[in-house]
Amino acid sequence: MSTTELASGGESAGPKLIVSPFEIRDYVLLLKWLVLAGVAAVAFVAVWQFGLLAEMLRSDRSYISLAITLLFFGTSIHCAVGVVAVSKELNAARRVQRAIRANPTHFQATESGVTVAGTPLMGGIVTEHIRNLILKSRGHDGHIDQNILMAAFSGLLRGRLQVGWFIADSMFKLGLLGTLIGFILMLSPINAIKTFDPLTMKAAMSTMSSGMAVALYTTLAGLVGGMILKLQYYFLEIGTTELHSIATQTTEVYVIPALREE
């Protein structure tokens, strides 16, 4: 297939991911997340091979480290689903923006979406927002205020982010909780010491070292897991911010002025 055919997607094909020979922004958000996930996966395999992960799970009597590990993998999958969804919406939003820039006239809301000068726009959350704006503009005599719609649009985009930030912060707090539990386990044998013979001291030191291991491993798991999760959701936030910016610019600069004129 030639570069021109690849750019156009063929005569009979539907919307394609590649719209120009050098379109480098398609799924760039997903690619960034995959790089981070790949580095984290390599680090996890290395920790597993060296036996550090098994040692952490064996030494942590509170099982907080296990809970943090499972929570990390589950939330990473949640973030991956969000990254894929936002990447698709960004690709659709860029195409919608280019189509509207080319001919920002005769906006019509249909049952399935929006048409611009008779040409249907690619489906997506931005197209749905434009459709709602067109429906709202009917009967408003030139005055169109999209503040409420933009607030709802922003809330829809940030719903997944709020879940991620909450879980990431919870992982830090779980690590702190494990630290406190570890110190309690470490200091509890002191009250039981009645004599200072070698056997009693050896048993006390063994219990204290076990409590210290709980404190250190849970703190480490909470810090590492929380930081990696925050970085993942930071990439997702960049994508949602760009999507919101595209929707705002397209509607304020092209859609609303055209609806006022019509």
C-alpha atoms as a PDB file:
ATOM      1  CA  MET A   1       0.000   0.000   0.000  1.00  0.00           C
ATOM      2  CA  SER A   2       1.376   3.370  -0.965  1.00  0.00           C
ATOM      3  CA  THR A   3       1.774   6.327   1.358  1.00  0.00           C
ATOM      4  CA  THR A   4      -1.153   8.130  -0.279  1.00  0.00           C
ATOM      5  CA  GLU A   5      -3.424   5.107   0.110  1.00  0.00           C
ATOM      6  CA  LEU A   6      -2.315   4.730   3.700  1.00  0.00           C
ATOM      7  CA  ALA A   7      -3.071   8.372   4.370  1.00  0.00           C
ATOM      8  CA  SER A   8      -6.539   8.258   2.820  1.00  0.00           C
ATOM      9  CA  GLY A   9      -7.457   4.832   4.188  1.00  0.00           C
ATOM     10  CA  GLY A  10      -8.606   3.569   0.779  1.00  0.00           C
ATOM     11  CA  GLU A  11     -11.662   4.531  -1.210  1.00  0.00           C
ATOM     12  CA  SER A  12     -14.090   2.107   0.431  1.00  0.00           C
ATOM     13  CA  ALA A  13     -12.593   1.962   3.897  1.00  0.00           C
ATOM     14  CA  GLY A  14     -14.003   3.701   6.940  1.00  0.00           C
ATOM     15  CA  PRO A  15     -12.173   6.137   9.229  1.00  0.00           C
ATOM     16  CA  LYS A  16      -8.544   5.104   9.692  1.00  0.00           C
ATOM     17  CA  LEU A  17      -6.043   5.861  12.428  1.00  0.00           C
ATOM     18  CA  ILE A  18      -3.500   7.335  10.018  1.00  0.00           C
ATOM     19  CA  VAL A  19      -4.688  10.490   8.305  1.00  0.00           C
ATOM     20  CA  SER A  20      -1.394  11.778   6.934  1.00  0.00           C
ATOM     21  CA  PRO A  21       1.966  10.192   6.080  1.00  0.00           C
ATOM     22  CA  PHE A  22       3.611  11.778   9.113  1.00  0.00           C
ATOM     23  CA  GLU A  23       0.814  11.780  11.705  1.00  0.00           C
ATOM     24  CA  ILE A  24       2.876  11.222  14.847  1.00  0.00           C
ATOM     25  CA  ARG A  25       0.259  12.059  17.468  1.00  0.00           C
ATOM     26  CA  ASP A  26      -1.959   9.005  16.989  1.00  0.00           C
ATOM     27  CA  TYR A  27      -1.952   6.999  20.203  1.00  0.00           C
ATOM     28  CA  VAL A  28       1.108   8.850  21.506  1.00  0.00           C
ATOM     29  CA  LEU A  29      -0.523   8.856  24.938  1.00  0.00           C
ATOM     30  CA  LEU A  30      -0.835   5.076  24.829  1.00  0.00           C
ATOM     31  CA  LEU A  31       2.761   4.721  23.666  1.00  0.00           C
ATOM     32  CA  LYS A  32       4.001   6.797  26.621  1.00  0.00           C
ATOM     33  CA  TRP A  33       2.019   4.644  29.029  1.00  0.00           C
ATOM     34  CA  LEU A  34       3.359   1.470  27.405  1.00  0.00           C
ATOM     35  CA  VAL A  35       6.941   2.690  27.880  1.00  0.00           C
ATOM     36  CA  LEU A  36       6.294   3.300  31.564  1.00  0.00           C
ATOM     37  CA  ALA A  37       4.478  -0.025  31.932  1.00  0.00           C
ATOM     38  CA  GLY A  38       7.351  -1.812  30.189  1.00  0.00           C
ATOM     39  CA  VAL A  39       9.939  -0.329  32.543  1.00  0.00           C
ATOM     40  CA  ALA A  40       7.787  -1.240  35.544  1.00  0.00           C
ATOM     41  CA  ALA A  41       7.301  -4.784  34.232  1.00  0.00           C
ATOM     42  CA  VAL A  42      11.058  -5.267  33.753  1.00  0.00           C
ATOM     43  CA  ALA A  43      11.704  -3.989  37.290  1.00  0.00           C
ATOM     44  CA  PHE A  44       9.020  -6.323  38.663  1.00  0.00           C
ATOM     45  CA  VAL A  45      10.550  -9.347  36.903  1.00  0.00           C
ATOM     46  CA  ALA A  46      13.986  -8.410  38.232  1.00  0.00           C
ATOM     47  CA  VAL A  47      12.660  -8.122  41.787  1.00  0.00           C
ATOM     48  CA  TRP A  48      10.922 -11.470  41.368  1.00  0.00           C
ATOM     49  CA  GLN A  49      14.032 -13.193  40.026  1.00  0.00           C
ATOM     50  CA  PHE A  50      16.180 -11.954  42.891  1.00  0.00           C
ATOM     51  CA  GLY A  51      13.632 -13.264  45.373  1.00  0.00           C
ATOM     52  CA  LEU A  52      12.943  -9.865  46.924  1.00  0.00           C
ATOM     53  CA  LEU A  53       9.218 -10.001  46.220  1.00  0.00           C
ATOM     54  CA  ALA A  54       8.859 -13.439  47.805  1.00  0.00           C
ATOM     55  CA  GLU A  55      10.880 -12.280  50.794  1.00  0.00           C
ATOM     56  CA  MET A  56       8.659  -9.235  51.214  1.00  0.00           C
ATOM     57  CA  LEU A  57       5.463 -11.283  51.110  1.00  0.00           C
ATOM     58  CA  ARG A  58       6.921 -13.890  53.482  1.00  0.00           C
ATOM     59  CA  SER A  59       8.169 -11.369  56.038  1.00  0.00           C
ATOM     60  CA  ASP A  60       5.070  -9.160  56.097  1.00  0.00           C
ATOM     61  CA  ARG A  61       2.771 -10.692  58.710  1.00  0.00           C
ATOM     62  CA  SER A  62       0.253  -7.883  58.262  1.00  0.00           C
ATOM     63  CA  TYR A  63      -0.336  -8.772  54.563  1.00  0.00           C
ATOM     64  CA  ILE A  64      -0.456  -5.078  53.761  1.00  0.00           C
ATOM     65  CA  SER A  65       2.299  -5.491  51.180  1.00  0.00           C
ATOM     66  CA  LEU A  66       0.208  -8.135  49.408  1.00  0.00           C
ATOM     67  CA  ALA A  67      -2.812  -5.838  49.453  1.00  0.00           C
ATOM     68  CA  ILE A  68      -0.737  -2.980  48.026  1.00  0.00           C
ATOM     69  CA  THR A  69       0.642  -5.238  45.275  1.00  0.00           C
ATOM     70  CA  LEU A  70      -2.803  -6.483  44.217  1.00  0.00           C
ATOM     71  CA  LEU A  71      -4.219  -2.968  44.390  1.00  0.00           C
ATOM     72  CA  PHE A  72      -1.380  -1.699  42.226  1.00  0.00           C
ATOM     73  CA  PHE A  73      -1.982  -4.249  39.447  1.00  0.00           C
ATOM     74  CA  GLY A  74      -5.747  -3.734  39.511  1.00  0.00           C
ATOM     75  CA  THR A  75      -5.443   0.047  39.347  1.00  0.00           C
ATOM     76  CA  SER A  76      -2.837  -0.176  36.572  1.00  0.00           C
ATOM     77  CA  ILE A  77      -5.343  -2.137  34.483  1.00  0.00           C
ATOM     78  CA  HIS A  78      -7.938   0.541  35.245  1.00  0.00           C
ATOM     79  CA  CYS A  79      -5.490   3.209  34.070  1.00  0.00           C
ATOM     80  CA  ALA A  80      -4.654   1.231  30.918  1.00  0.00           C
ATOM     81  CA  VAL A  81      -8.335   1.058  29.969  1.00  0.00           C
ATOM     82  CA  GLY A  82      -8.603   4.810  30.520  1.00  0.00           C
ATOM     83  CA  VAL A  83      -5.502   5.530  28.450  1.00  0.00           C
ATOM     84  CA  VAL A  84      -6.834   3.494  25.511  1.00  0.00           C
ATOM     85  CA  ALA A  85     -10.229   5.220  25.716  1.00  0.00           C
ATOM     86  CA  VAL A  86      -8.746   8.735  25.927  1.00  0.00           C
ATOM     87  CA  SER A  87      -6.328   7.966  23.069  1.00  0.00           C
ATOM     88  CA  LYS A  88      -9.236   6.963  20.838  1.00  0.00           C
ATOM     89  CA  GLU A  89     -11.154  10.081  21.817  1.00  0.00           C
ATOM     90  CA  LEU A  90      -8.122  12.283  21.110  1.00  0.00           C
ATOM     91  CA  ASN A  91      -7.721  10.807  17.639  1.00  0.00           C
ATOM     92  CA  ALA A  92     -11.417  11.378  16.908  1.00  0.00           C
ATOM     93  CA  ALA A  93     -11.305  14.912  18.371  1.00  0.00           C
ATOM     94  CA  ARG A  94      -8.372  15.929  16.174  1.00  0.00           C
ATOM     95  CA  ARG A  95     -10.202  14.729  13.074  1.00  0.00           C
ATOM     96  CA  VAL A  96     -13.364  16.531  14.122  1.00  0.00           C
ATOM     97  CA  GLN A  97     -11.382  19.726  14.702  1.00  0.00           C
ATOM     98  CA  ARG A  98      -9.741  19.509  11.278  1.00  0.00           C
ATOM     99  CA  ALA A  99     -13.097  18.875   9.575  1.00  0.00           C
ATOM    100  CA  ILE A 100     -14.717  21.868  11.292  1.00  0.00           C
ATOM    101  CA  ARG A 101     -11.763  24.143  10.538  1.00  0.00           C
ATOM    102  CA  ALA A 102     -12.050  23.284   6.860  1.00  0.00           C
ATOM    103  CA  ASN A 103     -15.719  24.336   6.628  1.00  0.00           C
ATOM    104  CA  PRO A 104     -17.288  25.682   9.849  1.00  0.00           C
ATOM    105  CA  THR A 105     -20.810  26.183   8.493  1.00  0.00           C
ATOM    106  CA  HIS A 106     -24.248  24.526   8.493  1.00  0.00           C
ATOM    107  CA  PHE A 107     -24.049  22.510  11.696  1.00  0.00           C
ATOM    108  CA  GLN A 108     -26.875  20.023  11.976  1.00  0.00           C
ATOM    109  CA  ALA A 109     -27.653  17.577  14.788  1.00  0.00           C
ATOM    110  CA  THR A 110     -28.773  14.119  13.663  1.00  0.00           C
ATOM    111  CA  GLU A 111     -29.853  11.030  15.550  1.00  0.00           C
ATOM    112  CA  SER A 112     -26.398   9.495  15.252  1.00  0.00           C
ATOM    113  CA  GLY A 113     -24.190  12.585  15.526  1.00  0.00           C
ATOM    114  CA  VAL A 114     -23.434  15.890  13.802  1.00  0.00           C
ATOM    115  CA  THR A 115     -23.048  16.949  10.176  1.00  0.00           C
ATOM    116  CA  VAL A 116     -21.036  19.941   8.969  1.00  0.00           C
ATOM    117  CA  ALA A 117     -22.057  21.207   5.539  1.00  0.00           C
ATOM    118  CA  GLY A 118     -23.680  17.823   4.960  1.00  0.00           C
ATOM    119  CA  THR A 119     -20.585  15.826   5.976  1.00  0.00           C
ATOM    120  CA  PRO A 120     -20.928  13.682   9.108  1.00  0.00           C
ATOM    121  CA  LEU A 121     -18.350  14.165  11.826  1.00  0.00           C
ATOM    122  CA  MET A 122     -16.472  11.232  13.297  1.00  0.00           C
ATOM    123  CA  GLY A 123     -18.194   9.915  16.400  1.00  0.00           C
ATOM    124  CA  GLY A 124     -16.787  10.571  19.850  1.00  0.00           C
ATOM    125  CA  ILE A 125     -17.246  12.512  23.051  1.00  0.00           C
ATOM    126  CA  VAL A 126     -16.384  15.835  21.345  1.00  0.00           C
ATOM    127  CA  THR A 127     -18.949  15.216  18.608  1.00  0.00           C
ATOM    128  CA  GLU A 128     -21.542  14.367  21.248  1.00  0.00           C
ATOM    129  CA  HIS A 129     -20.705  17.603  23.066  1.00  0.00           C
ATOM    130  CA  ILE A 130     -21.129  19.598  19.837  1.00  0.00           C
ATOM    131  CA  ARG A 131     -24.464  17.854  19.231  1.00  0.00           C
ATOM    132  CA  ASN A 132     -25.676  18.830  22.704  1.00  0.00           C
ATOM    133  CA  LEU A 133     -24.544  22.398  22.038  1.00  0.00           C
ATOM    134  CA  ILE A 134     -26.495  22.513  18.768  1.00  0.00           C
ATOM    135  CA  LEU A 135     -29.620  21.210  20.462  1.00  0.00           C
ATOM    136  CA  LYS A 136     -29.231  23.727  23.285  1.00  0.00           C
ATOM    137  CA  SER A 137     -28.820  26.629  20.833  1.00  0.00           C
ATOM    138  CA  ARG A 138     -32.294  26.137  19.373  1.00  0.00           C
ATOM    139  CA  GLY A 139     -34.550  29.019  20.368  1.00  0.00           C
ATOM    140  CA  HIS A 140     -31.875  30.989  22.244  1.00  0.00           C
ATOM    141  CA  ASP A 141     -31.923  33.948  19.811  1.00  0.00           C
ATOM    142  CA  GLY A 142     -28.156  34.175  19.309  1.00  0.00           C
ATOM    143  CA  HIS A 143     -27.096  33.846  22.953  1.00  0.00           C
ATOM    144  CA  ILE A 144     -25.357  30.494  23.523  1.00  0.00           C
ATOM    145  CA  ASP A 145     -23.770  29.700  26.881  1.00  0.00           C
ATOM    146  CA  GLN A 146     -21.958  26.384  27.117  1.00  0.00           C
ATOM    147  CA  ASN A 147     -20.630  26.721  30.683  1.00  0.00           C
ATOM    148  CA  ILE A 148     -22.936  24.040  32.060  1.00  0.00           C
ATOM    149  CA  LEU A 149     -22.188  21.668  29.188  1.00  0.00           C
ATOM    150  CA  MET A 150     -18.444  22.234  29.560  1.00  0.00           C
ATOM    151  CA  ALA A 151     -18.677  21.575  33.299  1.00  0.00           C
ATOM    152  CA  ALA A 152     -20.425  18.283  32.595  1.00  0.00           C
ATOM    153  CA  PHE A 153     -17.870  17.493  29.883  1.00  0.00           C
ATOM    154  CA  SER A 154     -14.981  18.187  32.261  1.00  0.00           C
ATOM    155  CA  GLY A 155     -16.556  16.097  35.011  1.00  0.00           C
ATOM    156  CA  LEU A 156     -16.965  13.171  32.624  1.00  0.00           C
ATOM    157  CA  LEU A 157     -13.308  13.339  31.659  1.00  0.00           C
ATOM    158  CA  ARG A 158     -11.993  13.614  35.209  1.00  0.00           C
ATOM    159  CA  GLY A 159     -14.111  10.880  36.761  1.00  0.00           C
ATOM    160  CA  ARG A 160     -11.532   8.177  36.040  1.00  0.00           C
ATOM    161  CA  LEU A 161      -8.699  10.436  37.201  1.00  0.00           C
ATOM    162  CA  GLN A 162     -10.266  11.001  40.604  1.00  0.00           C
ATOM    163  CA  VAL A 163     -10.425   7.246  41.183  1.00  0.00           C
ATOM    164  CA  GLY A 164      -6.749   6.892  40.290  1.00  0.00           C
ATOM    165  CA  TRP A 165      -5.565   9.760  42.485  1.00  0.00           C
ATOM    166  CA  PHE A 166      -7.593   8.413  45.411  1.00  0.00           C
ATOM    167  CA  ILE A 167      -6.126   4.906  45.112  1.00  0.00           C
ATOM    168  CA  ALA A 168      -2.583   6.244  44.704  1.00  0.00           C
ATOM    169  CA  ASP A 169      -2.955   8.327  47.875  1.00  0.00           C
ATOM    170  CA  SER A 170      -4.475   5.326  49.630  1.00  0.00           C
ATOM    171  CA  MET A 171      -1.384   3.286  48.800  1.00  0.00           C
ATOM    172  CA  PHE A 172       0.819   5.854  50.537  1.00  0.00           C
ATOM    173  CA  LYS A 173      -1.459   5.708  53.560  1.00  0.00           C
ATOM    174  CA  LEU A 174      -1.455   1.907  53.544  1.00  0.00           C
ATOM    175  CA  GLY A 175       2.342   2.030  53.598  1.00  0.00           C
ATOM    176  CA  LEU A 176       2.184   4.391  56.578  1.00  0.00           C
ATOM    177  CA  LEU A 177      -0.288   2.085  58.299  1.00  0.00           C
ATOM    178  CA  GLY A 178       2.083  -0.830  57.770  1.00  0.00           C
ATOM    179  CA  THR A 179       4.891   1.238  59.277  1.00  0.00           C
ATOM    180  CA  LEU A 180       2.870   1.841  62.434  1.00  0.00           C
ATOM    181  CA  ILE A 181       1.879  -1.819  62.683  1.00  0.00           C
ATOM    182  CA  GLY A 182       5.511  -2.849  62.215  1.00  0.00           C
ATOM    183  CA  PHE A 183       6.687  -0.558  65.012  1.00  0.00           C
ATOM    184  CA  ILE A 184       3.979  -1.920  67.302  1.00  0.00           C
ATOM    185  CA  LEU A 185       5.099  -5.478  66.541  1.00  0.00           C
ATOM    186  CA  MET A 186       8.697  -4.442  67.059  1.00  0.00           C
ATOM    187  CA  LEU A 187       8.158  -2.804  70.458  1.00  0.00           C
ATOM    188  CA  SER A 188       5.653  -5.268  71.898  1.00  0.00           C
ATOM    189  CA  PRO A 189       8.294  -7.851  73.028  1.00  0.00           C
ATOM    190  CA  ILE A 190       9.986  -5.293  75.293  1.00  0.00           C
ATOM    191  CA  ASN A 191       7.262  -5.567  77.947  1.00  0.00           C
ATOM    192  CA  ALA A 192       7.649  -9.358  77.972  1.00  0.00           C
ATOM    193  CA  ILE A 193      11.347  -9.241  78.826  1.00  0.00           C
ATOM    194  CA  LYS A 194      11.775 -10.265  82.473  1.00  0.00           C
ATOM    195  CA  THR A 195      15.327 -11.496  82.409  1.00  0.00           C
ATOM    196  CA  PHE A 196      18.290 -10.686  80.236  1.00  0.00           C
ATOM    197  CA  ASP A 197      19.500 -14.222  79.577  1.00  0.00           C
ATOM    198  CA  PRO A 198      20.696 -15.023  76.042  1.00  0.00           C
ATOM    199  CA  LEU A 199      17.663 -17.142  75.065  1.00  0.00           C
ATOM    200  CA  THR A 200      15.152 -14.481  76.102  1.00  0.00           C
ATOM    201  CA  MET A 201      17.066 -11.732  74.349  1.00  0.00           C
ATOM    202  CA  LYS A 202      17.436 -13.838  71.209  1.00  0.00           C
ATOM    203  CA  ALA A 203      13.667 -14.448  71.043  1.00  0.00           C
ATOM    204  CA  ALA A 204      12.958 -10.765  71.671  1.00  0.00           C
ATOM    205  CA  MET A 205      15.380  -9.649  68.979  1.00  0.00           C
ATOM    206  CA  SER A 206      13.860 -12.095  66.508  1.00  0.00           C
ATOM    207  CA  THR A 207      10.382 -10.694  67.135  1.00  0.00           C
ATOM    208  CA  MET A 208      11.643  -7.123  66.937  1.00  0.00           C
ATOM    209  CA  SER A 209      13.402  -7.764  63.620  1.00  0.00           C
ATOM    210  CA  SER A 210      10.195  -9.291  62.263  1.00  0.00           C
ATOM    211  CA  GLY A 211       8.281  -6.144  63.209  1.00  0.00           C
ATOM    212  CA  MET A 212      10.930  -3.957  61.613  1.00  0.00           C
ATOM    213  CA  ALA A 213      10.652  -5.994  58.413  1.00  0.00           C
ATOM    214  CA  VAL A 214       6.892  -5.365  58.337  1.00  0.00           C
ATOM    215  CA  ALA A 215       7.452  -1.627  58.789  1.00  0.00           C
ATOM    216  CA  LEU A 216      10.107  -1.353  56.078  1.00  0.00           C
ATOM    217  CA  TYR A 217       8.513  -3.597  53.458  1.00  0.00           C
ATOM    218  CA  THR A 218       5.067  -2.021  53.704  1.00  0.00           C
ATOM    219  CA  THR A 219       6.584   1.458  53.520  1.00  0.00           C
ATOM    220  CA  LEU A 220       8.623   0.491  50.472  1.00  0.00           C
ATOM    221  CA  ALA A 221       5.661  -1.126  48.720  1.00  0.00           C
ATOM    222  CA  GLY A 222       3.413   1.858  49.405  1.00  0.00           C
ATOM    223  CA  LEU A 223       5.947   4.429  48.216  1.00  0.00           C
ATOM    224  CA  VAL A 224       6.991   2.616  45.031  1.00  0.00           C
ATOM    225  CA  GLY A 225       3.469   1.570  44.069  1.00  0.00           C
ATOM    226  CA  GLY A 226       2.000   4.996  44.800  1.00  0.00           C
ATOM    227  CA  MET A 227       4.657   6.865  42.808  1.00  0.00           C
ATOM    228  CA  ILE A 228       4.298   4.622  39.752  1.00  0.00           C
ATOM    229  CA  LEU A 229       0.507   4.927  39.870  1.00  0.00           C
ATOM    230  CA  LYS A 230       0.695   8.711  40.135  1.00  0.00           C
ATOM    231  CA  LEU A 231       2.983   8.794  37.114  1.00  0.00           C
ATOM    232  CA  GLN A 232       0.556   6.627  35.132  1.00  0.00           C
ATOM    233  CA  TYR A 233      -2.388   8.847  35.967  1.00  0.00           C
ATOM    234  CA  TYR A 234      -0.282  11.930  35.235  1.00  0.00           C
ATOM    235  CA  PHE A 235      -0.021  10.730  31.620  1.00  0.00           C
ATOM    236  CA  LEU A 236      -3.771  10.115  31.616  1.00  0.00           C
ATOM    237  CA  GLU A 237      -4.372  13.619  32.962  1.00  0.00           C
ATOM    238  CA  ILE A 238      -2.278  15.102  30.146  1.00  0.00           C
ATOM    239  CA  GLY A 239      -4.506  13.328  27.633  1.00  0.00           C
ATOM    240  CA  THR A 240      -7.755  14.443  29.248  1.00  0.00           C
ATOM    241  CA  THR A 241      -6.487  18.036  29.478  1.00  0.00           C
ATOM    242  CA  GLU A 242      -5.650  18.040  25.772  1.00  0.00           C
ATOM    243  CA  LEU A 243      -9.051  16.560  24.927  1.00  0.00           C
ATOM    244  CA  HIS A 244     -10.774  19.252  26.973  1.00  0.00           C
ATOM    245  CA  SER A 245      -8.677  21.930  25.274  1.00  0.00           C
ATOM    246  CA  ILE A 246      -9.578  20.666  21.795  1.00  0.00           C
ATOM    247  CA  ALA A 247     -13.289  20.645  22.656  1.00  0.00           C
ATOM    248  CA  THR A 248     -13.132  24.150  24.131  1.00  0.00           C
ATOM    249  CA  GLN A 249     -11.193  25.686  21.230  1.00  0.00           C
ATOM    250  CA  THR A 250     -13.334  24.028  18.570  1.00  0.00           C
ATOM    251  CA  THR A 251     -16.643  25.070  20.079  1.00  0.00           C
ATOM    252  CA  GLU A 252     -15.658  28.596  21.133  1.00  0.00           C
ATOM    253  CA  VAL A 253     -13.832  29.537  17.933  1.00  0.00           C
ATOM    254  CA  TYR A 254     -15.847  27.732  15.256  1.00  0.00           C
ATOM    255  CA  VAL A 255     -19.091  26.114  16.428  1.00  0.00           C
ATOM    256  CA  ILE A 256     -20.675  28.825  18.585  1.00  0.00           C
ATOM    257  CA  PRO A 257     -19.976  31.719  16.140  1.00  0.00           C
ATOM    258  CA  ALA A 258     -21.428  29.632  13.283  1.00  0.00           C
ATOM    259  CA  LEU A 259     -24.556  28.786  15.314  1.00  0.00           C
ATOM    260  CA  ARG A 260     -25.045  32.473  16.168  1.00  0.00           C
ATOM    261  CA  GLU A 261     -24.875  33.443  12.518  1.00  0.00           C
ATOM    262  CA  GLU A 262     -27.284  30.717  11.511  1.00  0.00           C
END
